[in-house]
Amino acid sequence: MPHTIMISGHAGLPKGLTFNDLNQSVTVTLEVDKLYGVIVWADCNLDTNHAQSYLSSVIKGLSLRDGLNLINKEIENHYYGKAQATLLSAILDAYKQYKTPHVVK
């Protein structure tokens, strides 16, 4: 049985900003350690593989148990793409999933 859980969050892109015709929103998936809430892996549907793997490198090792302040600060300090606010919203949505009673015990 895995010691991690997978959660996801979604956020719509602002008007006028689209990655392509198929993606009108950003999806973030987080693999999280059940015991400590530490992000083991992160992925998203940003346009390039580089941007996708960069997100993981920025927030990997941070704990959701500590809230979103540090995670948001790391993204704000390291990711300067036009979709930054949307990415933060998608992470907030994933965090809300993490905080639901059936996920956190």
PDB file of N, CA and C in Angstrom:
ATOM      1  N   MET A   1       0.835  -1.176   0.000  1.00  0.00           N
ATOM      2  CA  MET A   1       0.000   0.000   0.000  1.00  0.00           C
ATOM      3  C   MET A   1       0.888   1.251   0.000  1.00  0.00           C
ATOM      4  N   PRO A   2       0.612   2.189  -0.898  1.00  0.00           N
ATOM      5  CA  PRO A   2       1.473   3.374  -0.970  1.00  0.00           C
ATOM      6  C   PRO A   2       1.339   4.260   0.268  1.00  0.00           C
ATOM      7  N   HIS A   3       2.407   4.942   0.568  1.00  0.00           N
ATOM      8  CA  HIS A   3       2.418   5.861   1.703  1.00  0.00           C
ATOM      9  C   HIS A   3       2.166   7.295   1.240  1.00  0.00           C
ATOM     10  N   THR A   4       1.660   7.432   0.028  1.00  0.00           N
ATOM     11  CA  THR A   4       1.372   8.752  -0.505  1.00  0.00           C
ATOM     12  C   THR A   4      -0.067   8.806  -1.014  1.00  0.00           C
ATOM     13  N   ILE A   5      -0.543  10.034  -1.199  1.00  0.00           N
ATOM     14  CA  ILE A   5      -1.840  10.256  -1.814  1.00  0.00           C
ATOM     15  C   ILE A   5      -1.645  11.180  -3.008  1.00  0.00           C
ATOM     16  N   MET A   6      -2.596  11.160  -3.935  1.00  0.00           N
ATOM     17  CA  MET A   6      -2.562  12.049  -5.087  1.00  0.00           C
ATOM     18  C   MET A   6      -3.746  12.989  -4.978  1.00  0.00           C
ATOM     19  N   ILE A   7      -3.476  14.286  -5.057  1.00  0.00           N
ATOM     20  CA  ILE A   7      -4.541  15.283  -5.060  1.00  0.00           C
ATOM     21  C   ILE A   7      -4.360  16.179  -6.279  1.00  0.00           C
ATOM     22  N   SER A   8      -5.433  16.793  -6.707  1.00  0.00           N
ATOM     23  CA  SER A   8      -5.320  17.689  -7.856  1.00  0.00           C
ATOM     24  C   SER A   8      -6.136  18.948  -7.614  1.00  0.00           C
ATOM     25  N   GLY A   9      -5.743  19.994  -8.314  1.00  0.00           N
ATOM     26  CA  GLY A   9      -6.449  21.261  -8.260  1.00  0.00           C
ATOM     27  C   GLY A   9      -6.537  21.852  -9.650  1.00  0.00           C
ATOM     28  N   HIS A  10      -7.565  22.628  -9.873  1.00  0.00           N
ATOM     29  CA  HIS A  10      -7.814  23.208 -11.197  1.00  0.00           C
ATOM     30  C   HIS A  10      -8.101  24.697 -11.041  1.00  0.00           C
ATOM     31  N   ALA A  11      -7.729  25.472 -12.061  1.00  0.00           N
ATOM     32  CA  ALA A  11      -8.045  26.901 -12.095  1.00  0.00           C
ATOM     33  C   ALA A  11      -8.125  27.343 -13.546  1.00  0.00           C
ATOM     34  N   GLY A  12      -9.103  28.187 -13.830  1.00  0.00           N
ATOM     35  CA  GLY A  12      -9.276  28.700 -15.185  1.00  0.00           C
ATOM     36  C   GLY A  12      -8.240  29.762 -15.521  1.00  0.00           C
ATOM     37  N   LEU A  13      -7.865  29.810 -16.782  1.00  0.00           N
ATOM     38  CA  LEU A  13      -6.927  30.826 -17.244  1.00  0.00           C
ATOM     39  C   LEU A  13      -7.635  32.164 -17.404  1.00  0.00           C
ATOM     40  N   PRO A  14      -6.920  33.266 -17.201  1.00  0.00           N
ATOM     41  CA  PRO A  14      -7.531  34.572 -17.440  1.00  0.00           C
ATOM     42  C   PRO A  14      -7.879  34.749 -18.918  1.00  0.00           C
ATOM     43  N   LYS A  15      -8.845  35.573 -19.188  1.00  0.00           N
ATOM     44  CA  LYS A  15      -9.232  35.848 -20.574  1.00  0.00           C
ATOM     45  C   LYS A  15      -8.032  36.314 -21.375  1.00  0.00           C
ATOM     46  N   GLY A  16      -7.913  35.781 -22.585  1.00  0.00           N
ATOM     47  CA  GLY A  16      -6.825  36.185 -23.463  1.00  0.00           C
ATOM     48  C   GLY A  16      -5.543  35.393 -23.296  1.00  0.00           C
ATOM     49  N   LEU A  17      -5.486  34.525 -22.293  1.00  0.00           N
ATOM     50  CA  LEU A  17      -4.297  33.703 -22.068  1.00  0.00           C
ATOM     51  C   LEU A  17      -4.695  32.246 -22.195  1.00  0.00           C
ATOM     52  N   THR A  18      -4.254  31.600 -23.265  1.00  0.00           N
ATOM     53  CA  THR A  18      -4.516  30.177 -23.449  1.00  0.00           C
ATOM     54  C   THR A  18      -3.223  29.499 -23.837  1.00  0.00           C
ATOM     55  N   PHE A  19      -3.054  28.282 -23.374  1.00  0.00           N
ATOM     56  CA  PHE A  19      -1.876  27.515 -23.766  1.00  0.00           C
ATOM     57  C   PHE A  19      -2.064  26.966 -25.164  1.00  0.00           C
ATOM     58  N   ASN A  20      -3.221  26.458 -25.406  1.00  0.00           N
ATOM     59  CA  ASN A  20      -3.608  25.998 -26.732  1.00  0.00           C
ATOM     60  C   ASN A  20      -5.114  25.819 -26.721  1.00  0.00           C
ATOM     61  N   ASP A  21      -5.677  25.375 -27.795  1.00  0.00           N
ATOM     62  CA  ASP A  21      -7.125  25.277 -27.873  1.00  0.00           C
ATOM     63  C   ASP A  21      -7.709  24.255 -26.901  1.00  0.00           C
ATOM     64  N   LEU A  22      -6.914  23.295 -26.464  1.00  0.00           N
ATOM     65  CA  LEU A  22      -7.425  22.247 -25.589  1.00  0.00           C
ATOM     66  C   LEU A  22      -7.381  22.629 -24.113  1.00  0.00           C
ATOM     67  N   ASN A  23      -6.417  23.441 -23.732  1.00  0.00           N
ATOM     68  CA  ASN A  23      -6.235  23.774 -22.319  1.00  0.00           C
ATOM     69  C   ASN A  23      -6.752  25.164 -22.009  1.00  0.00           C
ATOM     70  N   GLN A  24      -7.908  25.226 -21.394  1.00  0.00           N
ATOM     71  CA  GLN A  24      -8.463  26.498 -20.949  1.00  0.00           C
ATOM     72  C   GLN A  24      -8.301  26.655 -19.443  1.00  0.00           C
ATOM     73  N   SER A  25      -7.637  25.693 -18.828  1.00  0.00           N
ATOM     74  CA  SER A  25      -7.408  25.749 -17.388  1.00  0.00           C
ATOM     75  C   SER A  25      -6.068  25.102 -17.062  1.00  0.00           C
ATOM     76  N   VAL A  26      -5.617  25.360 -15.861  1.00  0.00           N
ATOM     77  CA  VAL A  26      -4.386  24.750 -15.357  1.00  0.00           C
ATOM     78  C   VAL A  26      -4.786  23.687 -14.348  1.00  0.00           C
ATOM     79  N   THR A  27      -4.203  22.531 -14.481  1.00  0.00           N
ATOM     80  CA  THR A  27      -4.390  21.444 -13.531  1.00  0.00           C
ATOM     81  C   THR A  27      -3.052  21.156 -12.868  1.00  0.00           C
ATOM     82  N   VAL A  28      -3.075  21.065 -11.558  1.00  0.00           N
ATOM     83  CA  VAL A  28      -1.884  20.717 -10.782  1.00  0.00           C
ATOM     84  C   VAL A  28      -2.183  19.418 -10.054  1.00  0.00           C
ATOM     85  N   THR A  29      -1.283  18.457 -10.145  1.00  0.00           N
ATOM     86  CA  THR A  29      -1.410  17.235  -9.357  1.00  0.00           C
ATOM     87  C   THR A  29      -0.228  17.166  -8.397  1.00  0.00           C
ATOM     88  N   LEU A  30      -0.528  16.760  -7.186  1.00  0.00           N
ATOM     89  CA  LEU A  30       0.493  16.656  -6.151  1.00  0.00           C
ATOM     90  C   LEU A  30       0.468  15.260  -5.554  1.00  0.00           C
ATOM     91  N   GLU A  31       1.627  14.636  -5.497  1.00  0.00           N
ATOM     92  CA  GLU A  31       1.776  13.399  -4.743  1.00  0.00           C
ATOM     93  C   GLU A  31       2.316  13.809  -3.378  1.00  0.00           C
ATOM     94  N   VAL A  32       1.579  13.427  -2.330  1.00  0.00           N
ATOM     95  CA  VAL A  32       1.853  13.926  -0.987  1.00  0.00           C
ATOM     96  C   VAL A  32       2.012  12.763  -0.019  1.00  0.00           C
ATOM     97  N   ASP A  33       3.041  12.837   0.802  1.00  0.00           N
ATOM     98  CA  ASP A  33       3.257  11.859   1.862  1.00  0.00           C
ATOM     99  C   ASP A  33       2.098  11.939   2.854  1.00  0.00           C
ATOM    100  N   LYS A  34       1.483  10.778   3.129  1.00  0.00           N
ATOM    101  CA  LYS A  34       0.311  10.748   4.026  1.00  0.00           C
ATOM    102  C   LYS A  34       0.627  11.219   5.437  1.00  0.00           C
ATOM    103  N   LEU A  35       1.764  10.848   5.960  1.00  0.00           N
ATOM    104  CA  LEU A  35       2.082  11.109   7.356  1.00  0.00           C
ATOM    105  C   LEU A  35       2.463  12.565   7.617  1.00  0.00           C
ATOM    106  N   TYR A  36       3.310  13.124   6.765  1.00  0.00           N
ATOM    107  CA  TYR A  36       3.853  14.456   7.028  1.00  0.00           C
ATOM    108  C   TYR A  36       3.323  15.555   6.104  1.00  0.00           C
ATOM    109  N   GLY A  37       2.557  15.189   5.088  1.00  0.00           N
ATOM    110  CA  GLY A  37       2.033  16.181   4.162  1.00  0.00           C
ATOM    111  C   GLY A  37       3.063  16.753   3.214  1.00  0.00           C
ATOM    112  N   VAL A  38       4.223  16.116   3.116  1.00  0.00           N
ATOM    113  CA  VAL A  38       5.306  16.615   2.272  1.00  0.00           C
ATOM    114  C   VAL A  38       5.013  16.301   0.805  1.00  0.00           C
ATOM    115  N   ILE A  39       5.227  17.281  -0.049  1.00  0.00           N
ATOM    116  CA  ILE A  39       5.044  17.098  -1.493  1.00  0.00           C
ATOM    117  C   ILE A  39       6.217  16.277  -2.021  1.00  0.00           C
ATOM    118  N   VAL A  40       5.899  15.094  -2.514  1.00  0.00           N
ATOM    119  CA  VAL A  40       6.895  14.178  -3.044  1.00  0.00           C
ATOM    120  C   VAL A  40       7.137  14.470  -4.531  1.00  0.00           C
ATOM    121  N   TRP A  41       6.087  14.851  -5.229  1.00  0.00           N
ATOM    122  CA  TRP A  41       6.172  15.155  -6.654  1.00  0.00           C
ATOM    123  C   TRP A  41       5.031  16.096  -7.007  1.00  0.00           C
ATOM    124  N   ALA A  42       5.272  16.976  -7.947  1.00  0.00           N
ATOM    125  CA  ALA A  42       4.228  17.879  -8.444  1.00  0.00           C
ATOM    126  C   ALA A  42       4.271  17.874  -9.963  1.00  0.00           C
ATOM    127  N   ASP A  43       3.120  18.000 -10.558  1.00  0.00           N
ATOM    128  CA  ASP A  43       3.038  18.071 -12.013  1.00  0.00           C
ATOM    129  C   ASP A  43       1.916  19.027 -12.381  1.00  0.00           C
ATOM    130  N   CYS A  44       1.944  19.510 -13.588  1.00  0.00           N
ATOM    131  CA  CYS A  44       0.909  20.421 -14.059  1.00  0.00           C
ATOM    132  C   CYS A  44       0.868  20.358 -15.580  1.00  0.00           C
ATOM    133  N   ASN A  45      -0.111  21.023 -16.151  1.00  0.00           N
ATOM    134  CA  ASN A  45      -0.241  21.000 -17.603  1.00  0.00           C
ATOM    135  C   ASN A  45       0.214  22.307 -18.245  1.00  0.00           C
ATOM    136  N   LEU A  46       1.231  22.953 -17.655  1.00  0.00           N
ATOM    137  CA  LEU A  46       1.814  24.121 -18.307  1.00  0.00           C
ATOM    138  C   LEU A  46       2.378  23.699 -19.662  1.00  0.00           C
ATOM    139  N   ASP A  47       2.573  24.649 -20.527  1.00  0.00           N
ATOM    140  CA  ASP A  47       2.864  24.383 -21.932  1.00  0.00           C
ATOM    141  C   ASP A  47       4.125  23.565 -22.218  1.00  0.00           C
ATOM    142  N   THR A  48       5.161  23.736 -21.441  1.00  0.00           N
ATOM    143  CA  THR A  48       6.407  23.045 -21.756  1.00  0.00           C
ATOM    144  C   THR A  48       6.774  22.035 -20.673  1.00  0.00           C
ATOM    145  N   ASN A  49       7.505  21.017 -21.069  1.00  0.00           N
ATOM    146  CA  ASN A  49       7.994  20.030 -20.103  1.00  0.00           C
ATOM    147  C   ASN A  49       8.903  20.699 -19.074  1.00  0.00           C
ATOM    148  N   HIS A  50       9.661  21.673 -19.533  1.00  0.00           N
ATOM    149  CA  HIS A  50      10.571  22.370 -18.634  1.00  0.00           C
ATOM    150  C   HIS A  50       9.791  23.079 -17.526  1.00  0.00           C
ATOM    151  N   ALA A  51       8.729  23.792 -17.889  1.00  0.00           N
ATOM    152  CA  ALA A  51       7.902  24.485 -16.890  1.00  0.00           C
ATOM    153  C   ALA A  51       7.259  23.486 -15.934  1.00  0.00           C
ATOM    154  N   GLN A  52       6.829  22.359 -16.468  1.00  0.00           N
ATOM    155  CA  GLN A  52       6.197  21.337 -15.636  1.00  0.00           C
ATOM    156  C   GLN A  52       7.173  20.779 -14.612  1.00  0.00           C
ATOM    157  N   SER A  53       8.372  20.419 -15.042  1.00  0.00           N
ATOM    158  CA  SER A  53       9.346  19.854 -14.106  1.00  0.00           C
ATOM    159  C   SER A  53       9.894  20.919 -13.167  1.00  0.00           C
ATOM    160  N   TYR A  54       9.936  22.163 -13.631  1.00  0.00           N
ATOM    161  CA  TYR A  54      10.424  23.246 -12.774  1.00  0.00           C
ATOM    162  C   TYR A  54       9.500  23.444 -11.571  1.00  0.00           C
ATOM    163  N   LEU A  55       8.191  23.376 -11.809  1.00  0.00           N
ATOM    164  CA  LEU A  55       7.245  23.494 -10.704  1.00  0.00           C
ATOM    165  C   LEU A  55       7.565  22.472  -9.623  1.00  0.00           C
ATOM    166  N   SER A  56       7.779  21.234 -10.030  1.00  0.00           N
ATOM    167  CA  SER A  56       8.072  20.180  -9.061  1.00  0.00           C
ATOM    168  C   SER A  56       9.340  20.501  -8.280  1.00  0.00           C
ATOM    169  N   SER A  57      10.367  20.980  -8.972  1.00  0.00           N
ATOM    170  CA  SER A  57      11.632  21.264  -8.290  1.00  0.00           C
ATOM    171  C   SER A  57      11.489  22.408  -7.282  1.00  0.00           C
ATOM    172  N   VAL A  58      10.568  23.329  -7.538  1.00  0.00           N
ATOM    173  CA  VAL A  58      10.380  24.479  -6.654  1.00  0.00           C
ATOM    174  C   VAL A  58       9.627  24.103  -5.373  1.00  0.00           C
ATOM    175  N   ILE A  59       8.629  23.232  -5.476  1.00  0.00           N
ATOM    176  CA  ILE A  59       7.800  22.954  -4.289  1.00  0.00           C
ATOM    177  C   ILE A  59       8.005  21.563  -3.684  1.00  0.00           C
ATOM    178  N   LYS A  60       8.760  20.726  -4.341  1.00  0.00           N
ATOM    179  CA  LYS A  60       9.046  19.390  -3.812  1.00  0.00           C
ATOM    180  C   LYS A  60       9.761  19.517  -2.463  1.00  0.00           C
ATOM    181  N   GLY A  61       9.292  18.742  -1.480  1.00  0.00           N
ATOM    182  CA  GLY A  61       9.897  18.758  -0.150  1.00  0.00           C
ATOM    183  C   GLY A  61       9.198  19.681   0.831  1.00  0.00           C
ATOM    184  N   LEU A  62       8.304  20.552   0.331  1.00  0.00           N
ATOM    185  CA  LEU A  62       7.538  21.427   1.220  1.00  0.00           C
ATOM    186  C   LEU A  62       6.324  20.666   1.733  1.00  0.00           C
ATOM    187  N   SER A  63       5.842  21.047   2.906  1.00  0.00           N
ATOM    188  CA  SER A  63       4.737  20.320   3.516  1.00  0.00           C
ATOM    189  C   SER A  63       3.439  21.118   3.458  1.00  0.00           C
ATOM    190  N   LEU A  64       2.370  20.461   3.039  1.00  0.00           N
ATOM    191  CA  LEU A  64       1.049  21.064   3.042  1.00  0.00           C
ATOM    192  C   LEU A  64       0.550  21.291   4.468  1.00  0.00           C
ATOM    193  N   ARG A  65       1.092  20.552   5.410  1.00  0.00           N
ATOM    194  CA  ARG A  65       0.705  20.737   6.813  1.00  0.00           C
ATOM    195  C   ARG A  65       1.087  22.122   7.316  1.00  0.00           C
ATOM    196  N   ASP A  66       2.066  22.741   6.671  1.00  0.00           N
ATOM    197  CA  ASP A  66       2.512  24.073   7.065  1.00  0.00           C
ATOM    198  C   ASP A  66       1.682  25.178   6.413  1.00  0.00           C
ATOM    199  N   GLY A  67       0.667  24.793   5.630  1.00  0.00           N
ATOM    200  CA  GLY A  67      -0.144  25.779   4.928  1.00  0.00           C
ATOM    201  C   GLY A  67       0.465  26.148   3.591  1.00  0.00           C
ATOM    202  N   LEU A  68      -0.056  27.196   2.988  1.00  0.00           N
ATOM    203  CA  LEU A  68       0.360  27.572   1.639  1.00  0.00           C
ATOM    204  C   LEU A  68       1.337  28.739   1.572  1.00  0.00           C
ATOM    205  N   ASN A  69       1.601  29.407   2.682  1.00  0.00           N
ATOM    206  CA  ASN A  69       2.448  30.601   2.621  1.00  0.00           C
ATOM    207  C   ASN A  69       3.802  30.345   1.974  1.00  0.00           C
ATOM    208  N   LEU A  70       4.528  29.335   2.439  1.00  0.00           N
ATOM    209  CA  LEU A  70       5.859  29.058   1.894  1.00  0.00           C
ATOM    210  C   LEU A  70       5.773  28.568   0.444  1.00  0.00           C
ATOM    211  N   ILE A  71       4.810  27.725   0.165  1.00  0.00           N
ATOM    212  CA  ILE A  71       4.634  27.214  -1.202  1.00  0.00           C
ATOM    213  C   ILE A  71       4.356  28.379  -2.148  1.00  0.00           C
ATOM    214  N   ASN A  72       3.424  29.254  -1.775  1.00  0.00           N
ATOM    215  CA  ASN A  72       3.108  30.408  -2.612  1.00  0.00           C
ATOM    216  C   ASN A  72       4.316  31.317  -2.790  1.00  0.00           C
ATOM    217  N   LYS A  73       5.042  31.546  -1.700  1.00  0.00           N
ATOM    218  CA  LYS A  73       6.228  32.412  -1.755  1.00  0.00           C
ATOM    219  C   LYS A  73       7.281  31.830  -2.709  1.00  0.00           C
ATOM    220  N   GLU A  74       7.488  30.520  -2.644  1.00  0.00           N
ATOM    221  CA  GLU A  74       8.470  29.891  -3.534  1.00  0.00           C
ATOM    222  C   GLU A  74       8.064  30.052  -5.004  1.00  0.00           C
ATOM    223  N   ILE A  75       6.798  29.865  -5.287  1.00  0.00           N
ATOM    224  CA  ILE A  75       6.330  30.029  -6.672  1.00  0.00           C
ATOM    225  C   ILE A  75       6.451  31.486  -7.098  1.00  0.00           C
ATOM    226  N   GLU A  76       6.024  32.403  -6.240  1.00  0.00           N
ATOM    227  CA  GLU A  76       6.106  33.830  -6.567  1.00  0.00           C
ATOM    228  C   GLU A  76       7.548  34.288  -6.775  1.00  0.00           C
ATOM    229  N   ASN A  77       8.492  33.689  -6.056  1.00  0.00           N
ATOM    230  CA  ASN A  77       9.899  34.072  -6.168  1.00  0.00           C
ATOM    231  C   ASN A  77      10.645  33.386  -7.308  1.00  0.00           C
ATOM    232  N   HIS A  78      10.061  32.315  -7.875  1.00  0.00           N
ATOM    233  CA  HIS A  78      10.804  31.549  -8.874  1.00  0.00           C
ATOM    234  C   HIS A  78      10.092  31.373 -10.208  1.00  0.00           C
ATOM    235  N   TYR A  79       8.777  31.501 -10.235  1.00  0.00           N
ATOM    236  CA  TYR A  79       8.042  31.317 -11.500  1.00  0.00           C
ATOM    237  C   TYR A  79       7.429  32.652 -11.915  1.00  0.00           C
ATOM    238  N   TYR A  80       7.920  33.196 -13.028  1.00  0.00           N
ATOM    239  CA  TYR A  80       7.463  34.499 -13.495  1.00  0.00           C
ATOM    240  C   TYR A  80       6.661  34.413 -14.789  1.00  0.00           C
ATOM    241  N   GLY A  81       6.059  33.257 -15.047  1.00  0.00           N
ATOM    242  CA  GLY A  81       5.228  33.099 -16.232  1.00  0.00           C
ATOM    243  C   GLY A  81       3.912  33.845 -16.085  1.00  0.00           C
ATOM    244  N   LYS A  82       3.250  34.061 -17.202  1.00  0.00           N
ATOM    245  CA  LYS A  82       1.974  34.776 -17.205  1.00  0.00           C
ATOM    246  C   LYS A  82       0.886  34.023 -16.451  1.00  0.00           C
ATOM    247  N   ALA A  83       1.050  32.747 -16.286  1.00  0.00           N
ATOM    248  CA  ALA A  83       0.034  31.937 -15.607  1.00  0.00           C
ATOM    249  C   ALA A  83       0.304  31.791 -14.115  1.00  0.00           C
ATOM    250  N   GLN A  84       1.171  32.633 -13.543  1.00  0.00           N
ATOM    251  CA  GLN A  84       1.523  32.493 -12.128  1.00  0.00           C
ATOM    252  C   GLN A  84       0.294  32.511 -11.216  1.00  0.00           C
ATOM    253  N   ALA A  85      -0.584  33.493 -11.396  1.00  0.00           N
ATOM    254  CA  ALA A  85      -1.766  33.596 -10.525  1.00  0.00           C
ATOM    255  C   ALA A  85      -2.675  32.379 -10.693  1.00  0.00           C
ATOM    256  N   THR A  86      -2.790  31.888 -11.917  1.00  0.00           N
ATOM    257  CA  THR A  86      -3.619  30.707 -12.170  1.00  0.00           C
ATOM    258  C   THR A  86      -2.997  29.474 -11.524  1.00  0.00           C
ATOM    259  N   LEU A  87      -1.697  29.369 -11.593  1.00  0.00           N
ATOM    260  CA  LEU A  87      -0.981  28.259 -10.959  1.00  0.00           C
ATOM    261  C   LEU A  87      -1.200  28.288  -9.444  1.00  0.00           C
ATOM    262  N   LEU A  88      -1.113  29.456  -8.846  1.00  0.00           N
ATOM    263  CA  LEU A  88      -1.353  29.592  -7.407  1.00  0.00           C
ATOM    264  C   LEU A  88      -2.793  29.214  -7.051  1.00  0.00           C
ATOM    265  N   SER A  89      -3.744  29.584  -7.909  1.00  0.00           N
ATOM    266  CA  SER A  89      -5.148  29.223  -7.675  1.00  0.00           C
ATOM    267  C   SER A  89      -5.356  27.715  -7.761  1.00  0.00           C
ATOM    268  N   ALA A  90      -4.689  27.074  -8.702  1.00  0.00           N
ATOM    269  CA  ALA A  90      -4.805  25.619  -8.847  1.00  0.00           C
ATOM    270  C   ALA A  90      -4.200  24.915  -7.636  1.00  0.00           C
ATOM    271  N   ILE A  91      -3.110  25.446  -7.114  1.00  0.00           N
ATOM    272  CA  ILE A  91      -2.503  24.866  -5.911  1.00  0.00           C
ATOM    273  C   ILE A  91      -3.420  25.068  -4.709  1.00  0.00           C
ATOM    274  N   LEU A  92      -4.065  26.218  -4.617  1.00  0.00           N
ATOM    275  CA  LEU A  92      -5.046  26.443  -3.552  1.00  0.00           C
ATOM    276  C   LEU A  92      -6.178  25.432  -3.643  1.00  0.00           C
ATOM    277  N   ASP A  93      -6.645  25.157  -4.844  1.00  0.00           N
ATOM    278  CA  ASP A  93      -7.715  24.174  -5.037  1.00  0.00           C
ATOM    279  C   ASP A  93      -7.249  22.784  -4.589  1.00  0.00           C
ATOM    280  N   ALA A  94      -6.020  22.417  -4.931  1.00  0.00           N
ATOM    281  CA  ALA A  94      -5.473  21.124  -4.493  1.00  0.00           C
ATOM    282  C   ALA A  94      -5.343  21.094  -2.964  1.00  0.00           C
ATOM    283  N   TYR A  95      -4.931  22.201  -2.384  1.00  0.00           N
ATOM    284  CA  TYR A  95      -4.796  22.291  -0.926  1.00  0.00           C
ATOM    285  C   TYR A  95      -6.144  22.084  -0.245  1.00  0.00           C
ATOM    286  N   LYS A  96      -7.196  22.652  -0.824  1.00  0.00           N
ATOM    287  CA  LYS A  96      -8.543  22.456  -0.273  1.00  0.00           C
ATOM    288  C   LYS A  96      -8.923  20.977  -0.306  1.00  0.00           C
ATOM    289  N   GLN A  97      -8.520  20.268  -1.366  1.00  0.00           N
ATOM    290  CA  GLN A  97      -8.775  18.830  -1.439  1.00  0.00           C
ATOM    291  C   GLN A  97      -8.011  18.110  -0.323  1.00  0.00           C
ATOM    292  N   TYR A  98      -6.770  18.537  -0.122  1.00  0.00           N
ATOM    293  CA  TYR A  98      -5.942  17.933   0.925  1.00  0.00           C
ATOM    294  C   TYR A  98      -6.566  18.121   2.307  1.00  0.00           C
ATOM    295  N   LYS A  99      -7.163  19.269   2.546  1.00  0.00           N
ATOM    296  CA  LYS A  99      -7.712  19.585   3.860  1.00  0.00           C
ATOM    297  C   LYS A  99      -9.080  18.967   4.131  1.00  0.00           C
ATOM    298  N   THR A 100      -9.688  18.316   3.151  1.00  0.00           N
ATOM    299  CA  THR A 100     -10.975  17.697   3.408  1.00  0.00           C
ATOM    300  C   THR A 100     -10.802  16.560   4.400  1.00  0.00           C
ATOM    301  N   PRO A 101     -11.795  16.342   5.266  1.00  0.00           N
ATOM    302  CA  PRO A 101     -11.662  15.353   6.339  1.00  0.00           C
ATOM    303  C   PRO A 101     -11.336  13.933   5.871  1.00  0.00           C
ATOM    304  N   HIS A 102     -11.817  13.528   4.709  1.00  0.00           N
ATOM    305  CA  HIS A 102     -11.540  12.153   4.278  1.00  0.00           C
ATOM    306  C   HIS A 102     -10.112  11.978   3.777  1.00  0.00           C
ATOM    307  N   VAL A 103      -9.388  13.064   3.539  1.00  0.00           N
ATOM    308  CA  VAL A 103      -8.001  12.971   3.070  1.00  0.00           C
ATOM    309  C   VAL A 103      -7.040  13.028   4.258  1.00  0.00           C
ATOM    310  N   VAL A 104      -7.186  14.049   5.087  1.00  0.00           N
ATOM    311  CA  VAL A 104      -6.296  14.222   6.249  1.00  0.00           C
ATOM    312  C   VAL A 104      -6.934  13.552   7.447  1.00  0.00           C
ATOM    313  N   LYS A 105      -6.226  12.626   8.010  1.00  0.00           N
ATOM    314  CA  LYS A 105      -6.742  11.907   9.179  1.00  0.00           C
ATOM    315  C   LYS A 105      -5.884  12.177  10.376  1.00  0.00           C
TER     316      LYS A 105
END
